Amino acid sequence: PIAASVLAGLFISAFGALIGIISLYLLFEDKLGAEGAT
């Protein structure tokens, strides 16, 4: 059970980070261009 909860927490955090960088890219692409947003 504890290991399963740790795994779930890490998955949520990691997937959240992915959504975060994609959102940052979309947020800044018009200001920085594709290279700058990346």
Full PDB file with SEQRES, HELIX, SHEET, SSBOND, CRYST1, ORIGX, SCALE, CONECT and MASTER records, all heavy atoms in Angstrom:
SEQRES   1 A   38  PRO ILE ALA ALA SER VAL LEU ALA GLY LEU PHE ILE SER          
SEQRES   2 A   38  ALA PHE GLY ALA LEU ILE GLY ILE ILE SER LEU TYR LEU          
SEQRES   3 A   38  LEU PHE GLU ASP LYS LEU GLY ALA GLU GLY ALA THR              
HELIX    1 AA1 ILE A    2  ALA A   37  1                                  36    
CRYST1    1.000    1.000    1.000  90.00  90.00  90.00 P 1           1          
ORIGX1      1.000000  0.000000  0.000000        0.00000                         
ORIGX2      0.000000  1.000000  0.000000        0.00000                         
ORIGX3      0.000000  0.000000  1.000000        0.00000                         
SCALE1      1.000000  0.000000  0.000000        0.00000                         
SCALE2      0.000000  1.000000  0.000000        0.00000                         
SCALE3      0.000000  0.000000  1.000000        0.00000                         
ATOM      1  N   PRO A   1       0.783  -1.241   0.000  1.00  0.00           N  
ATOM      2  CA  PRO A   1       0.000   0.000   0.000  1.00  0.00           C  
ATOM      3  C   PRO A   1       0.820   1.300   0.000  1.00  0.00           C  
ATOM      4  O   PRO A   1       0.514   2.213  -0.769  1.00  0.00           O  
ATOM      5  CB  PRO A   1      -0.846  -0.121   1.272  1.00  0.00           C  
ATOM      6  CG  PRO A   1      -1.015  -1.588   1.461  1.00  0.00           C  
ATOM      7  CD  PRO A   1       0.277  -2.197   1.011  1.00  0.00           C  
ATOM      8  N   ILE A   2       1.837   1.411   0.859  1.00  0.00           N  
ATOM      9  CA  ILE A   2       2.615   2.651   0.888  1.00  0.00           C  
ATOM     10  C   ILE A   2       3.385   2.818  -0.418  1.00  0.00           C  
ATOM     11  O   ILE A   2       3.427   3.914  -0.992  1.00  0.00           O  
ATOM     12  CB  ILE A   2       3.561   2.682   2.099  1.00  0.00           C  
ATOM     13  CG1 ILE A   2       2.760   2.735   3.398  1.00  0.00           C  
ATOM     14  CG2 ILE A   2       4.514   3.879   2.010  1.00  0.00           C  
ATOM     15  CD1 ILE A   2       3.607   2.746   4.665  1.00  0.00           C  
ATOM     16  N   ALA A   3       3.967   1.746  -0.905  1.00  0.00           N  
ATOM     17  CA  ALA A   3       4.703   1.805  -2.173  1.00  0.00           C  
ATOM     18  C   ALA A   3       3.774   2.215  -3.310  1.00  0.00           C  
ATOM     19  O   ALA A   3       4.147   3.015  -4.180  1.00  0.00           O  
ATOM     20  CB  ALA A   3       5.351   0.453  -2.471  1.00  0.00           C  
ATOM     21  N   ALA A   4       2.555   1.681  -3.305  1.00  0.00           N  
ATOM     22  CA  ALA A   4       1.579   2.032  -4.342  1.00  0.00           C  
ATOM     23  C   ALA A   4       1.227   3.513  -4.274  1.00  0.00           C  
ATOM     24  O   ALA A   4       1.075   4.178  -5.313  1.00  0.00           O  
ATOM     25  CB  ALA A   4       0.320   1.180  -4.179  1.00  0.00           C  
ATOM     26  N   SER A   5       1.122   4.051  -3.059  1.00  0.00           N  
ATOM     27  CA  SER A   5       0.806   5.473  -2.895  1.00  0.00           C  
ATOM     28  C   SER A   5       1.974   6.354  -3.344  1.00  0.00           C  
ATOM     29  O   SER A   5       1.772   7.400  -3.962  1.00  0.00           O  
ATOM     30  CB  SER A   5       0.454   5.763  -1.432  1.00  0.00           C  
ATOM     31  OG  SER A   5      -0.730   5.083  -1.057  1.00  0.00           O  
ATOM     32  N   VAL A   6       3.185   5.926  -3.028  1.00  0.00           N  
ATOM     33  CA  VAL A   6       4.373   6.674  -3.481  1.00  0.00           C  
ATOM     34  C   VAL A   6       4.422   6.687  -4.999  1.00  0.00           C  
ATOM     35  O   VAL A   6       4.651   7.736  -5.625  1.00  0.00           O  
ATOM     36  CB  VAL A   6       5.664   6.051  -2.902  1.00  0.00           C  
ATOM     37  CG1 VAL A   6       6.901   6.661  -3.570  1.00  0.00           C  
ATOM     38  CG2 VAL A   6       5.718   6.256  -1.394  1.00  0.00           C  
ATOM     39  N   LEU A   7       4.216   5.533  -5.613  1.00  0.00           N  
ATOM     40  CA  LEU A   7       4.229   5.442  -7.075  1.00  0.00           C  
ATOM     41  C   LEU A   7       3.161   6.348  -7.684  1.00  0.00           C  
ATOM     42  O   LEU A   7       3.424   7.065  -8.666  1.00  0.00           O  
ATOM     43  CB  LEU A   7       3.996   3.993  -7.511  1.00  0.00           C  
ATOM     44  CG  LEU A   7       4.022   3.745  -9.028  1.00  0.00           C  
ATOM     45  CD1 LEU A   7       5.392   4.068  -9.596  1.00  0.00           C  
ATOM     46  CD2 LEU A   7       3.637   2.294  -9.330  1.00  0.00           C  
ATOM     47  N   ALA A   8       1.971   6.343  -7.100  1.00  0.00           N  
ATOM     48  CA  ALA A   8       0.892   7.193  -7.596  1.00  0.00           C  
ATOM     49  C   ALA A   8       1.256   8.669  -7.462  1.00  0.00           C  
ATOM     50  O   ALA A   8       1.032   9.466  -8.381  1.00  0.00           O  
ATOM     51  CB  ALA A   8      -0.402   6.891  -6.836  1.00  0.00           C  
ATOM     52  N   GLY A   9       1.829   9.044  -6.314  1.00  0.00           N  
ATOM     53  CA  GLY A   9       2.220  10.433  -6.097  1.00  0.00           C  
ATOM     54  C   GLY A   9       3.272  10.896  -7.083  1.00  0.00           C  
ATOM     55  O   GLY A   9       3.201  12.018  -7.610  1.00  0.00           O  
ATOM     56  N   LEU A  10       4.245  10.026  -7.365  1.00  0.00           N  
ATOM     57  CA  LEU A  10       5.303  10.381  -8.311  1.00  0.00           C  
ATOM     58  C   LEU A  10       4.758  10.486  -9.730  1.00  0.00           C  
ATOM     59  O   LEU A  10       5.163  11.372 -10.493  1.00  0.00           O  
ATOM     60  CB  LEU A  10       6.433   9.351  -8.252  1.00  0.00           C  
ATOM     61  CG  LEU A  10       7.226   9.313  -6.950  1.00  0.00           C  
ATOM     62  CD1 LEU A  10       8.273   8.212  -6.997  1.00  0.00           C  
ATOM     63  CD2 LEU A  10       7.884  10.659  -6.681  1.00  0.00           C  
ATOM     64  N   PHE A  11       3.835   9.610 -10.083  1.00  0.00           N  
ATOM     65  CA  PHE A  11       3.231   9.678 -11.416  1.00  0.00           C  
ATOM     66  C   PHE A  11       2.469  10.986 -11.589  1.00  0.00           C  
ATOM     67  O   PHE A  11       2.593  11.661 -12.618  1.00  0.00           O  
ATOM     68  CB  PHE A  11       2.295   8.489 -11.633  1.00  0.00           C  
ATOM     69  CG  PHE A  11       1.614   8.505 -12.980  1.00  0.00           C  
ATOM     70  CD1 PHE A  11       2.245   7.954 -14.086  1.00  0.00           C  
ATOM     71  CD2 PHE A  11       0.367   9.089 -13.128  1.00  0.00           C  
ATOM     72  CE1 PHE A  11       1.628   7.980 -15.334  1.00  0.00           C  
ATOM     73  CE2 PHE A  11      -0.253   9.124 -14.368  1.00  0.00           C  
ATOM     74  CZ  PHE A  11       0.375   8.569 -15.475  1.00  0.00           C  
ATOM     75  N   ILE A  12       1.685  11.360 -10.587  1.00  0.00           N  
ATOM     76  CA  ILE A  12       0.907  12.603 -10.657  1.00  0.00           C  
ATOM     77  C   ILE A  12       1.843  13.804 -10.773  1.00  0.00           C  
ATOM     78  O   ILE A  12       1.625  14.712 -11.593  1.00  0.00           O  
ATOM     79  CB  ILE A  12       0.004  12.738  -9.415  1.00  0.00           C  
ATOM     80  CG1 ILE A  12      -1.081  11.668  -9.441  1.00  0.00           C  
ATOM     81  CG2 ILE A  12      -0.627  14.126  -9.337  1.00  0.00           C  
ATOM     82  CD1 ILE A  12      -1.796  11.489  -8.115  1.00  0.00           C  
ATOM     83  N   SER A  13       2.886  13.822  -9.964  1.00  0.00           N  
ATOM     84  CA  SER A  13       3.835  14.934  -9.996  1.00  0.00           C  
ATOM     85  C   SER A  13       4.538  15.033 -11.345  1.00  0.00           C  
ATOM     86  O   SER A  13       4.654  16.110 -11.926  1.00  0.00           O  
ATOM     87  CB  SER A  13       4.870  14.775  -8.872  1.00  0.00           C  
ATOM     88  OG  SER A  13       4.253  14.874  -7.605  1.00  0.00           O  
ATOM     89  N   ALA A  14       5.018  13.891 -11.842  1.00  0.00           N  
ATOM     90  CA  ALA A  14       5.749  13.874 -13.106  1.00  0.00           C  
ATOM     91  C   ALA A  14       4.851  14.263 -14.273  1.00  0.00           C  
ATOM     92  O   ALA A  14       5.243  15.054 -15.147  1.00  0.00           O  
ATOM     93  CB  ALA A  14       6.350  12.496 -13.349  1.00  0.00           C  
ATOM     94  N   PHE A  15       3.641  13.734 -14.303  1.00  0.00           N  
ATOM     95  CA  PHE A  15       2.711  14.075 -15.383  1.00  0.00           C  
ATOM     96  C   PHE A  15       2.315  15.549 -15.298  1.00  0.00           C  
ATOM     97  O   PHE A  15       2.152  16.222 -16.318  1.00  0.00           O  
ATOM     98  CB  PHE A  15       1.481  13.179 -15.314  1.00  0.00           C  
ATOM     99  CG  PHE A  15       0.555  13.348 -16.486  1.00  0.00           C  
ATOM    100  CD1 PHE A  15       0.920  12.862 -17.738  1.00  0.00           C  
ATOM    101  CD2 PHE A  15      -0.661  13.993 -16.344  1.00  0.00           C  
ATOM    102  CE1 PHE A  15       0.070  13.027 -18.833  1.00  0.00           C  
ATOM    103  CE2 PHE A  15      -1.519  14.154 -17.423  1.00  0.00           C  
ATOM    104  CZ  PHE A  15      -1.151  13.666 -18.675  1.00  0.00           C  
ATOM    105  N   GLY A  16       2.186  16.049 -14.065  1.00  0.00           N  
ATOM    106  CA  GLY A  16       1.903  17.473 -13.886  1.00  0.00           C  
ATOM    107  C   GLY A  16       3.009  18.338 -14.452  1.00  0.00           C  
ATOM    108  O   GLY A  16       2.759  19.390 -15.058  1.00  0.00           O  
ATOM    109  N   ALA A  17       4.268  17.910 -14.254  1.00  0.00           N  
ATOM    110  CA  ALA A  17       5.407  18.650 -14.810  1.00  0.00           C  
ATOM    111  C   ALA A  17       5.339  18.688 -16.329  1.00  0.00           C  
ATOM    112  O   ALA A  17       5.657  19.708 -16.954  1.00  0.00           O  
ATOM    113  CB  ALA A  17       6.718  18.011 -14.357  1.00  0.00           C  
ATOM    114  N   LEU A  18       4.922  17.582 -16.948  1.00  0.00           N  
ATOM    115  CA  LEU A  18       4.775  17.543 -18.404  1.00  0.00           C  
ATOM    116  C   LEU A  18       3.713  18.531 -18.870  1.00  0.00           C  
ATOM    117  O   LEU A  18       3.941  19.296 -19.818  1.00  0.00           O  
ATOM    118  CB  LEU A  18       4.417  16.120 -18.850  1.00  0.00           C  
ATOM    119  CG  LEU A  18       4.117  15.946 -20.345  1.00  0.00           C  
ATOM    120  CD1 LEU A  18       5.322  16.341 -21.190  1.00  0.00           C  
ATOM    121  CD2 LEU A  18       3.691  14.512 -20.650  1.00  0.00           C  
ATOM    122  N   ILE A  19       2.558  18.522 -18.212  1.00  0.00           N  
ATOM    123  CA  ILE A  19       1.509  19.485 -18.556  1.00  0.00           C  
ATOM    124  C   ILE A  19       2.026  20.908 -18.345  1.00  0.00           C  
ATOM    125  O   ILE A  19       1.726  21.830 -19.120  1.00  0.00           O  
ATOM    126  CB  ILE A  19       0.247  19.247 -17.696  1.00  0.00           C  
ATOM    127  CG1 ILE A  19      -0.316  17.841 -17.947  1.00  0.00           C  
ATOM    128  CG2 ILE A  19      -0.813  20.300 -17.993  1.00  0.00           C  
ATOM    129  CD1 ILE A  19      -0.711  17.565 -19.366  1.00  0.00           C  
ATOM    130  N   GLY A  20       2.845  21.084 -17.297  1.00  0.00           N  
ATOM    131  CA  GLY A  20       3.399  22.402 -17.001  1.00  0.00           C  
ATOM    132  C   GLY A  20       4.285  22.930 -18.107  1.00  0.00           C  
ATOM    133  O   GLY A  20       4.164  24.092 -18.512  1.00  0.00           O  
ATOM    134  N   ILE A  21       5.196  22.095 -18.637  1.00  0.00           N  
ATOM    135  CA  ILE A  21       6.107  22.604 -19.671  1.00  0.00           C  
ATOM    136  C   ILE A  21       5.373  22.834 -21.000  1.00  0.00           C  
ATOM    137  O   ILE A  21       5.686  23.778 -21.734  1.00  0.00           O  
ATOM    138  CB  ILE A  21       7.339  21.693 -19.879  1.00  0.00           C  
ATOM    139  CG1 ILE A  21       6.947  20.319 -20.394  1.00  0.00           C  
ATOM    140  CG2 ILE A  21       8.148  21.586 -18.605  1.00  0.00           C  
ATOM    141  CD1 ILE A  21       8.136  19.506 -20.884  1.00  0.00           C  
ATOM    142  N   ILE A  22       4.388  21.987 -21.300  1.00  0.00           N  
ATOM    143  CA  ILE A  22       3.599  22.205 -22.516  1.00  0.00           C  
ATOM    144  C   ILE A  22       2.814  23.515 -22.394  1.00  0.00           C  
ATOM    145  O   ILE A  22       2.743  24.308 -23.340  1.00  0.00           O  
ATOM    146  CB  ILE A  22       2.654  21.017 -22.771  1.00  0.00           C  
ATOM    147  CG1 ILE A  22       3.472  19.765 -23.127  1.00  0.00           C  
ATOM    148  CG2 ILE A  22       1.668  21.334 -23.885  1.00  0.00           C  
ATOM    149  CD1 ILE A  22       2.652  18.496 -23.238  1.00  0.00           C  
ATOM    150  N   SER A  23       2.247  23.750 -21.216  1.00  0.00           N  
ATOM    151  CA  SER A  23       1.494  24.994 -20.990  1.00  0.00           C  
ATOM    152  C   SER A  23       2.398  26.215 -21.066  1.00  0.00           C  
ATOM    153  O   SER A  23       2.011  27.246 -21.633  1.00  0.00           O  
ATOM    154  CB  SER A  23       0.790  24.938 -19.626  1.00  0.00           C  
ATOM    155  OG  SER A  23      -0.146  23.880 -19.573  1.00  0.00           O  
ATOM    156  N   LEU A  24       3.601  26.118 -20.488  1.00  0.00           N  
ATOM    157  CA  LEU A  24       4.555  27.228 -20.586  1.00  0.00           C  
ATOM    158  C   LEU A  24       4.884  27.532 -22.042  1.00  0.00           C  
ATOM    159  O   LEU A  24       4.969  28.696 -22.446  1.00  0.00           O  
ATOM    160  CB  LEU A  24       5.842  26.903 -19.827  1.00  0.00           C  
ATOM    161  CG  LEU A  24       5.919  27.240 -18.339  1.00  0.00           C  
ATOM    162  CD1 LEU A  24       7.312  26.935 -17.812  1.00  0.00           C  
ATOM    163  CD2 LEU A  24       5.568  28.696 -18.064  1.00  0.00           C  
ATOM    164  N   TYR A  25       5.097  26.484 -22.818  1.00  0.00           N  
ATOM    165  CA  TYR A  25       5.391  26.669 -24.240  1.00  0.00           C  
ATOM    166  C   TYR A  25       4.243  27.423 -24.917  1.00  0.00           C  
ATOM    167  O   TYR A  25       4.463  28.408 -25.642  1.00  0.00           O  
ATOM    168  CB  TYR A  25       5.616  25.321 -24.912  1.00  0.00           C  
ATOM    169  CG  TYR A  25       5.893  25.445 -26.388  1.00  0.00           C  
ATOM    170  CD1 TYR A  25       7.194  25.570 -26.854  1.00  0.00           C  
ATOM    171  CD2 TYR A  25       4.855  25.457 -27.322  1.00  0.00           C  
ATOM    172  CE1 TYR A  25       7.462  25.714 -28.209  1.00  0.00           C  
ATOM    173  CE2 TYR A  25       5.102  25.602 -28.678  1.00  0.00           C  
ATOM    174  CZ  TYR A  25       6.401  25.725 -29.113  1.00  0.00           C  
ATOM    175  OH  TYR A  25       6.655  25.874 -30.458  1.00  0.00           O  
ATOM    176  N   LEU A  26       3.018  26.962 -24.713  1.00  0.00           N  
ATOM    177  CA  LEU A  26       1.854  27.605 -25.329  1.00  0.00           C  
ATOM    178  C   LEU A  26       1.677  29.036 -24.837  1.00  0.00           C  
ATOM    179  O   LEU A  26       1.217  29.915 -25.567  1.00  0.00           O  
ATOM    180  CB  LEU A  26       0.600  26.783 -25.036  1.00  0.00           C  
ATOM    181  CG  LEU A  26       0.578  25.362 -25.614  1.00  0.00           C  
ATOM    182  CD1 LEU A  26      -0.659  24.616 -25.132  1.00  0.00           C  
ATOM    183  CD2 LEU A  26       0.628  25.391 -27.134  1.00  0.00           C  
ATOM    184  N   LEU A  27       2.058  29.274 -23.591  1.00  0.00           N  
ATOM    185  CA  LEU A  27       1.906  30.589 -22.982  1.00  0.00           C  
ATOM    186  C   LEU A  27       2.882  31.602 -23.585  1.00  0.00           C  
ATOM    187  O   LEU A  27       2.554  32.785 -23.729  1.00  0.00           O  
ATOM    188  CB  LEU A  27       2.140  30.462 -21.479  1.00  0.00           C  
ATOM    189  CG  LEU A  27       1.527  31.476 -20.516  1.00  0.00           C  
ATOM    190  CD1 LEU A  27       0.030  31.613 -20.725  1.00  0.00           C  
ATOM    191  CD2 LEU A  27       1.831  31.069 -19.080  1.00  0.00           C  
ATOM    192  N   PHE A  28       4.077  31.141 -23.944  1.00  0.00           N  
ATOM    193  CA  PHE A  28       5.149  32.059 -24.352  1.00  0.00           C  
ATOM    194  C   PHE A  28       5.492  32.012 -25.836  1.00  0.00           C  
ATOM    195  O   PHE A  28       6.326  32.801 -26.291  1.00  0.00           O  
ATOM    196  CB  PHE A  28       6.423  31.747 -23.547  1.00  0.00           C  
ATOM    197  CG  PHE A  28       6.283  31.940 -22.069  1.00  0.00           C  
ATOM    198  CD1 PHE A  28       7.065  31.217 -21.185  1.00  0.00           C  
ATOM    199  CD2 PHE A  28       5.362  32.842 -21.545  1.00  0.00           C  
ATOM    200  CE1 PHE A  28       6.940  31.395 -19.813  1.00  0.00           C  
ATOM    201  CE2 PHE A  28       5.220  33.022 -20.184  1.00  0.00           C  
ATOM    202  CZ  PHE A  28       6.018  32.299 -19.306  1.00  0.00           C  
ATOM    203  N   GLU A  29       4.884  31.122 -26.586  1.00  0.00           N  
ATOM    204  CA  GLU A  29       5.272  30.970 -27.991  1.00  0.00           C  
ATOM    205  C   GLU A  29       5.097  32.264 -28.780  1.00  0.00           C  
ATOM    206  O   GLU A  29       5.945  32.620 -29.604  1.00  0.00           O  
ATOM    207  CB  GLU A  29       4.460  29.851 -28.643  1.00  0.00           C  
ATOM    208  CG  GLU A  29       4.911  29.549 -30.066  1.00  0.00           C  
ATOM    209  CD  GLU A  29       4.102  28.450 -30.715  1.00  0.00           C  
ATOM    210  OE1 GLU A  29       2.985  28.168 -30.236  1.00  0.00           O  
ATOM    211  OE2 GLU A  29       4.583  27.866 -31.699  1.00  0.00           O  
ATOM    212  N   ASP A  30       4.009  32.987 -28.522  1.00  0.00           N  
ATOM    213  CA  ASP A  30       3.777  34.223 -29.283  1.00  0.00           C  
ATOM    214  C   ASP A  30       4.751  35.330 -28.909  1.00  0.00           C  
ATOM    215  O   ASP A  30       4.999  36.245 -29.699  1.00  0.00           O  
ATOM    216  CB  ASP A  30       2.337  34.704 -29.096  1.00  0.00           C  
ATOM    217  CG  ASP A  30       2.028  35.047 -27.649  1.00  0.00           C  
ATOM    218  OD1 ASP A  30       2.666  34.456 -26.742  1.00  0.00           O  
ATOM    219  OD2 ASP A  30       1.154  35.915 -27.402  1.00  0.00           O  
ATOM    220  N   LYS A  31       5.340  35.268 -27.722  1.00  0.00           N  
ATOM    221  CA  LYS A  31       6.276  36.305 -27.270  1.00  0.00           C  
ATOM    222  C   LYS A  31       7.732  35.951 -27.565  1.00  0.00           C  
ATOM    223  O   LYS A  31       8.552  36.829 -27.805  1.00  0.00           O  
ATOM    224  CB  LYS A  31       6.120  36.540 -25.764  1.00  0.00           C  
ATOM    225  CG  LYS A  31       4.747  37.057 -25.355  1.00  0.00           C  
ATOM    226  CD  LYS A  31       4.646  37.184 -23.864  1.00  0.00           C  
ATOM    227  CE  LYS A  31       3.270  37.697 -23.469  1.00  0.00           C  
ATOM    228  NZ  LYS A  31       2.189  36.773 -23.883  1.00  0.00           N  
ATOM    229  N   LEU A  32       8.059  34.669 -27.512  1.00  0.00           N  
ATOM    230  CA  LEU A  32       9.446  34.239 -27.635  1.00  0.00           C  
ATOM    231  C   LEU A  32       9.733  33.445 -28.898  1.00  0.00           C  
ATOM    232  O   LEU A  32      10.900  33.177 -29.206  1.00  0.00           O  
ATOM    233  CB  LEU A  32       9.827  33.385 -26.418  1.00  0.00           C  
ATOM    234  CG  LEU A  32       9.687  34.025 -25.031  1.00  0.00           C  
ATOM    235  CD1 LEU A  32      10.003  33.008 -23.946  1.00  0.00           C  
ATOM    236  CD2 LEU A  32      10.598  35.235 -24.908  1.00  0.00           C  
ATOM    237  N   GLY A  33       8.677  33.061 -29.621  1.00  0.00           N  
ATOM    238  CA  GLY A  33       8.877  32.182 -30.745  1.00  0.00           C  
ATOM    239  C   GLY A  33       9.043  30.745 -30.277  1.00  0.00           C  
ATOM    240  O   GLY A  33       9.169  30.480 -29.077  1.00  0.00           O  
ATOM    241  N   ALA A  34       9.061  29.812 -31.216  1.00  0.00           N  
ATOM    242  CA  ALA A  34       9.140  28.393 -30.858  1.00  0.00           C  
ATOM    243  C   ALA A  34      10.424  28.068 -30.100  1.00  0.00           C  
ATOM    244  O   ALA A  34      10.399  27.364 -29.087  1.00  0.00           O  
ATOM    245  CB  ALA A  34       9.045  27.536 -32.118  1.00  0.00           C  
ATOM    246  N   GLU A  35      11.551  28.597 -30.560  1.00  0.00           N  
ATOM    247  CA  GLU A  35      12.826  28.312 -29.909  1.00  0.00           C  
ATOM    248  C   GLU A  35      12.875  28.904 -28.501  1.00  0.00           C  
ATOM    249  O   GLU A  35      13.309  28.243 -27.549  1.00  0.00           O  
ATOM    250  CB  GLU A  35      13.980  28.868 -30.745  1.00  0.00           C  
ATOM    251  CG  GLU A  35      15.353  28.551 -30.171  1.00  0.00           C  
ATOM    252  CD  GLU A  35      16.482  29.109 -31.010  1.00  0.00           C  
ATOM    253  OE1 GLU A  35      16.226  29.516 -32.157  1.00  0.00           O  
ATOM    254  OE2 GLU A  35      17.627  29.144 -30.517  1.00  0.00           O  
ATOM    255  N   GLY A  36      12.426  30.147 -28.356  1.00  0.00           N  
ATOM    256  CA  GLY A  36      12.442  30.807 -27.055  1.00  0.00           C  
ATOM    257  C   GLY A  36      11.497  30.155 -26.065  1.00  0.00           C  
ATOM    258  O   GLY A  36      11.819  30.015 -24.875  1.00  0.00           O  
ATOM    259  N   ALA A  37      10.307  29.734 -26.534  1.00  0.00           N  
ATOM    260  CA  ALA A  37       9.342  29.080 -25.654  1.00  0.00           C  
ATOM    261  C   ALA A  37       9.869  27.721 -25.191  1.00  0.00           C  
ATOM    262  O   ALA A  37       9.689  27.335 -24.026  1.00  0.00           O  
ATOM    263  CB  ALA A  37       8.010  28.913 -26.376  1.00  0.00           C  
ATOM    264  N   THR A  38      10.546  27.001 -26.082  1.00  0.00           N  
ATOM    265  CA  THR A  38      11.169  25.731 -25.699  1.00  0.00           C  
ATOM    266  C   THR A  38      12.266  25.969 -24.672  1.00  0.00           C  
ATOM    267  O   THR A  38      12.422  25.202 -23.718  1.00  0.00           O  
ATOM    268  CB  THR A  38      11.753  25.028 -26.937  1.00  0.00           C  
ATOM    269  OG1 THR A  38      10.711  24.809 -27.896  1.00  0.00           O  
ATOM    270  CG2 THR A  38      12.385  23.686 -26.560  1.00  0.00           C  
TER     271      THR A  38                                                      
MASTER        0    0    0    1    0    0    0    6  270    1    0    3          
END                                                                             
